[in-house]
């Protein structure tokens, strides 16, 4: 099972947060429940954000002007690229 660097950082951060909660005197079960809730919440938030961006951007963005690509072409740059010369 291969993990990305971001995944390992998230797991490590949540683990350290859980250890910090234990240091405040919170029982182990509450610390684990809070840490798992934070982990799942972040994963759900990031997943929905990626879906939103993929839906909004479609095929990508133009490197020159930053507009959305439609049909594999930029509607701004492809229409005017011959007029620049």
C-alpha atoms as a PDB file:
ATOM      1  CA  UNK A   1       0.000   0.000   0.000  1.00  0.00           C
ATOM      2  CA  UNK A   2       1.745   3.136  -1.216  1.00  0.00           C
ATOM      3  CA  UNK A   3       1.034   6.429   0.504  1.00  0.00           C
ATOM      4  CA  UNK A   4       1.625   9.861  -0.929  1.00  0.00           C
ATOM      5  CA  UNK A   5       3.777  12.340   0.938  1.00  0.00           C
ATOM      6  CA  UNK A   6       0.675  14.429   1.723  1.00  0.00           C
ATOM      7  CA  UNK A   7      -1.100  11.405   3.158  1.00  0.00           C
ATOM      8  CA  UNK A   8       1.802  10.621   5.462  1.00  0.00           C
ATOM      9  CA  UNK A   9       2.016  14.250   6.595  1.00  0.00           C
ATOM     10  CA  UNK A  10      -1.709  14.281   7.357  1.00  0.00           C
ATOM     11  CA  UNK A  11      -1.476  11.051   9.346  1.00  0.00           C
ATOM     12  CA  UNK A  12       1.551  12.352  11.246  1.00  0.00           C
ATOM     13  CA  UNK A  13      -0.121  15.667  11.994  1.00  0.00           C
ATOM     14  CA  UNK A  14      -3.296  14.022  13.251  1.00  0.00           C
ATOM     15  CA  UNK A  15      -1.225  11.624  15.356  1.00  0.00           C
ATOM     16  CA  UNK A  16       0.677  14.491  16.986  1.00  0.00           C
ATOM     17  CA  UNK A  17      -2.618  16.310  17.567  1.00  0.00           C
ATOM     18  CA  UNK A  18      -3.962  13.189  19.289  1.00  0.00           C
ATOM     19  CA  UNK A  19      -0.854  12.982  21.481  1.00  0.00           C
ATOM     20  CA  UNK A  20      -1.349  16.651  22.376  1.00  0.00           C
ATOM     21  CA  UNK A  21      -4.935  15.937  23.375  1.00  0.00           C
ATOM     22  CA  UNK A  22      -3.691  13.135  25.610  1.00  0.00           C
ATOM     23  CA  UNK A  23      -1.319  15.605  27.266  1.00  0.00           C
ATOM     24  CA  UNK A  24      -4.210  17.834  28.264  1.00  0.00           C
ATOM     25  CA  UNK A  25      -5.731  15.019  30.297  1.00  0.00           C
ATOM     26  CA  UNK A  26      -8.328  13.846  27.790  1.00  0.00           C
ATOM     27  CA  UNK A  27      -8.974  10.080  27.912  1.00  0.00           C
ATOM     28  CA  UNK A  28      -7.533   7.959  25.107  1.00  0.00           C
ATOM     29  CA  UNK A  29     -10.878   7.060  23.525  1.00  0.00           C
ATOM     30  CA  UNK A  30     -11.915  10.720  23.200  1.00  0.00           C
ATOM     31  CA  UNK A  31      -8.552  11.626  21.698  1.00  0.00           C
ATOM     32  CA  UNK A  32      -8.818   8.819  19.139  1.00  0.00           C
ATOM     33  CA  UNK A  33     -12.396   9.752  18.208  1.00  0.00           C
ATOM     34  CA  UNK A  34     -11.473  13.420  17.743  1.00  0.00           C
ATOM     35  CA  UNK A  35      -8.353  12.534  15.704  1.00  0.00           C
ATOM     36  CA  UNK A  36     -10.295  10.164  13.435  1.00  0.00           C
ATOM     37  CA  UNK A  37     -13.027  12.780  12.964  1.00  0.00           C
ATOM     38  CA  UNK A  38     -10.426  15.388  11.971  1.00  0.00           C
ATOM     39  CA  UNK A  39      -8.746  12.945   9.544  1.00  0.00           C
ATOM     40  CA  UNK A  40     -12.035  11.953   7.892  1.00  0.00           C
ATOM     41  CA  UNK A  41     -13.193  15.577   7.777  1.00  0.00           C
ATOM     42  CA  UNK A  42     -10.027  16.696   6.007  1.00  0.00           C
ATOM     43  CA  UNK A  43     -10.193  13.791   3.537  1.00  0.00           C
ATOM     44  CA  UNK A  44     -13.844  14.550   2.699  1.00  0.00           C
ATOM     45  CA  UNK A  45     -13.141  18.285   2.337  1.00  0.00           C
ATOM     46  CA  UNK A  46     -10.164  17.708   0.023  1.00  0.00           C
ATOM     47  CA  UNK A  47     -12.084  15.142  -2.053  1.00  0.00           C
ATOM     48  CA  UNK A  48     -15.022  17.495  -2.576  1.00  0.00           C
ATOM     49  CA  UNK A  49     -12.664  20.361  -3.391  1.00  0.00           C
ATOM     50  CA  UNK A  50     -10.885  18.249  -6.039  1.00  0.00           C
ATOM     51  CA  UNK A  51     -14.230  17.276  -7.592  1.00  0.00           C
ATOM     52  CA  UNK A  52     -15.329  20.910  -7.624  1.00  0.00           C
ATOM     53  CA  UNK A  53     -12.105  22.035  -9.301  1.00  0.00           C
ATOM     54  CA  UNK A  54     -12.225  19.229 -11.862  1.00  0.00           C
ATOM     55  CA  UNK A  55     -15.821  20.115 -12.731  1.00  0.00           C
ATOM     56  CA  UNK A  56     -15.072  23.834 -12.894  1.00  0.00           C
ATOM     57  CA  UNK A  57     -11.897  23.552 -14.978  1.00  0.00           C
ATOM     58  CA  UNK A  58     -12.993  20.812 -17.349  1.00  0.00           C
ATOM     59  CA  UNK A  59     -10.044  19.961 -19.590  1.00  0.00           C
ATOM     60  CA  UNK A  60      -7.691  22.477 -17.994  1.00  0.00           C
ATOM     61  CA  UNK A  61      -6.635  26.085 -18.200  1.00  0.00           C
ATOM     62  CA  UNK A  62      -4.724  28.023 -20.827  1.00  0.00           C
ATOM     63  CA  UNK A  63      -1.078  28.675 -19.919  1.00  0.00           C
ATOM     64  CA  UNK A  64      -1.095  32.064 -21.662  1.00  0.00           C
ATOM     65  CA  UNK A  65      -4.290  33.756 -20.491  1.00  0.00           C
ATOM     66  CA  UNK A  66      -5.644  31.454 -17.753  1.00  0.00           C
ATOM     67  CA  UNK A  67      -9.090  30.886 -19.247  1.00  0.00           C
ATOM     68  CA  UNK A  68     -10.880  27.531 -19.357  1.00  0.00           C
ATOM     69  CA  UNK A  69     -10.135  25.150 -22.230  1.00  0.00           C
ATOM     70  CA  UNK A  70     -13.172  24.053 -24.205  1.00  0.00           C
ATOM     71  CA  UNK A  71     -12.844  21.348 -26.830  1.00  0.00           C
ATOM     72  CA  UNK A  72      -9.080  21.237 -26.302  1.00  0.00           C
ATOM     73  CA  UNK A  73      -8.642  24.873 -27.347  1.00  0.00           C
ATOM     74  CA  UNK A  74      -8.629  28.234 -25.617  1.00  0.00           C
ATOM     75  CA  UNK A  75     -11.488  30.350 -26.910  1.00  0.00           C
ATOM     76  CA  UNK A  76      -9.508  33.561 -26.262  1.00  0.00           C
ATOM     77  CA  UNK A  77      -5.989  32.778 -27.472  1.00  0.00           C
ATOM     78  CA  UNK A  78      -6.823  30.466 -30.399  1.00  0.00           C
ATOM     79  CA  UNK A  79      -9.133  33.058 -31.909  1.00  0.00           C
ATOM     80  CA  UNK A  80      -6.547  35.863 -31.732  1.00  0.00           C
ATOM     81  CA  UNK A  81      -3.188  34.138 -32.171  1.00  0.00           C
ATOM     82  CA  UNK A  82      -2.925  35.010 -35.876  1.00  0.00           C
ATOM     83  CA  UNK A  83      -3.741  38.670 -35.205  1.00  0.00           C
ATOM     84  CA  UNK A  84      -0.672  39.074 -32.961  1.00  0.00           C
ATOM     85  CA  UNK A  85       1.806  38.728 -35.855  1.00  0.00           C
END
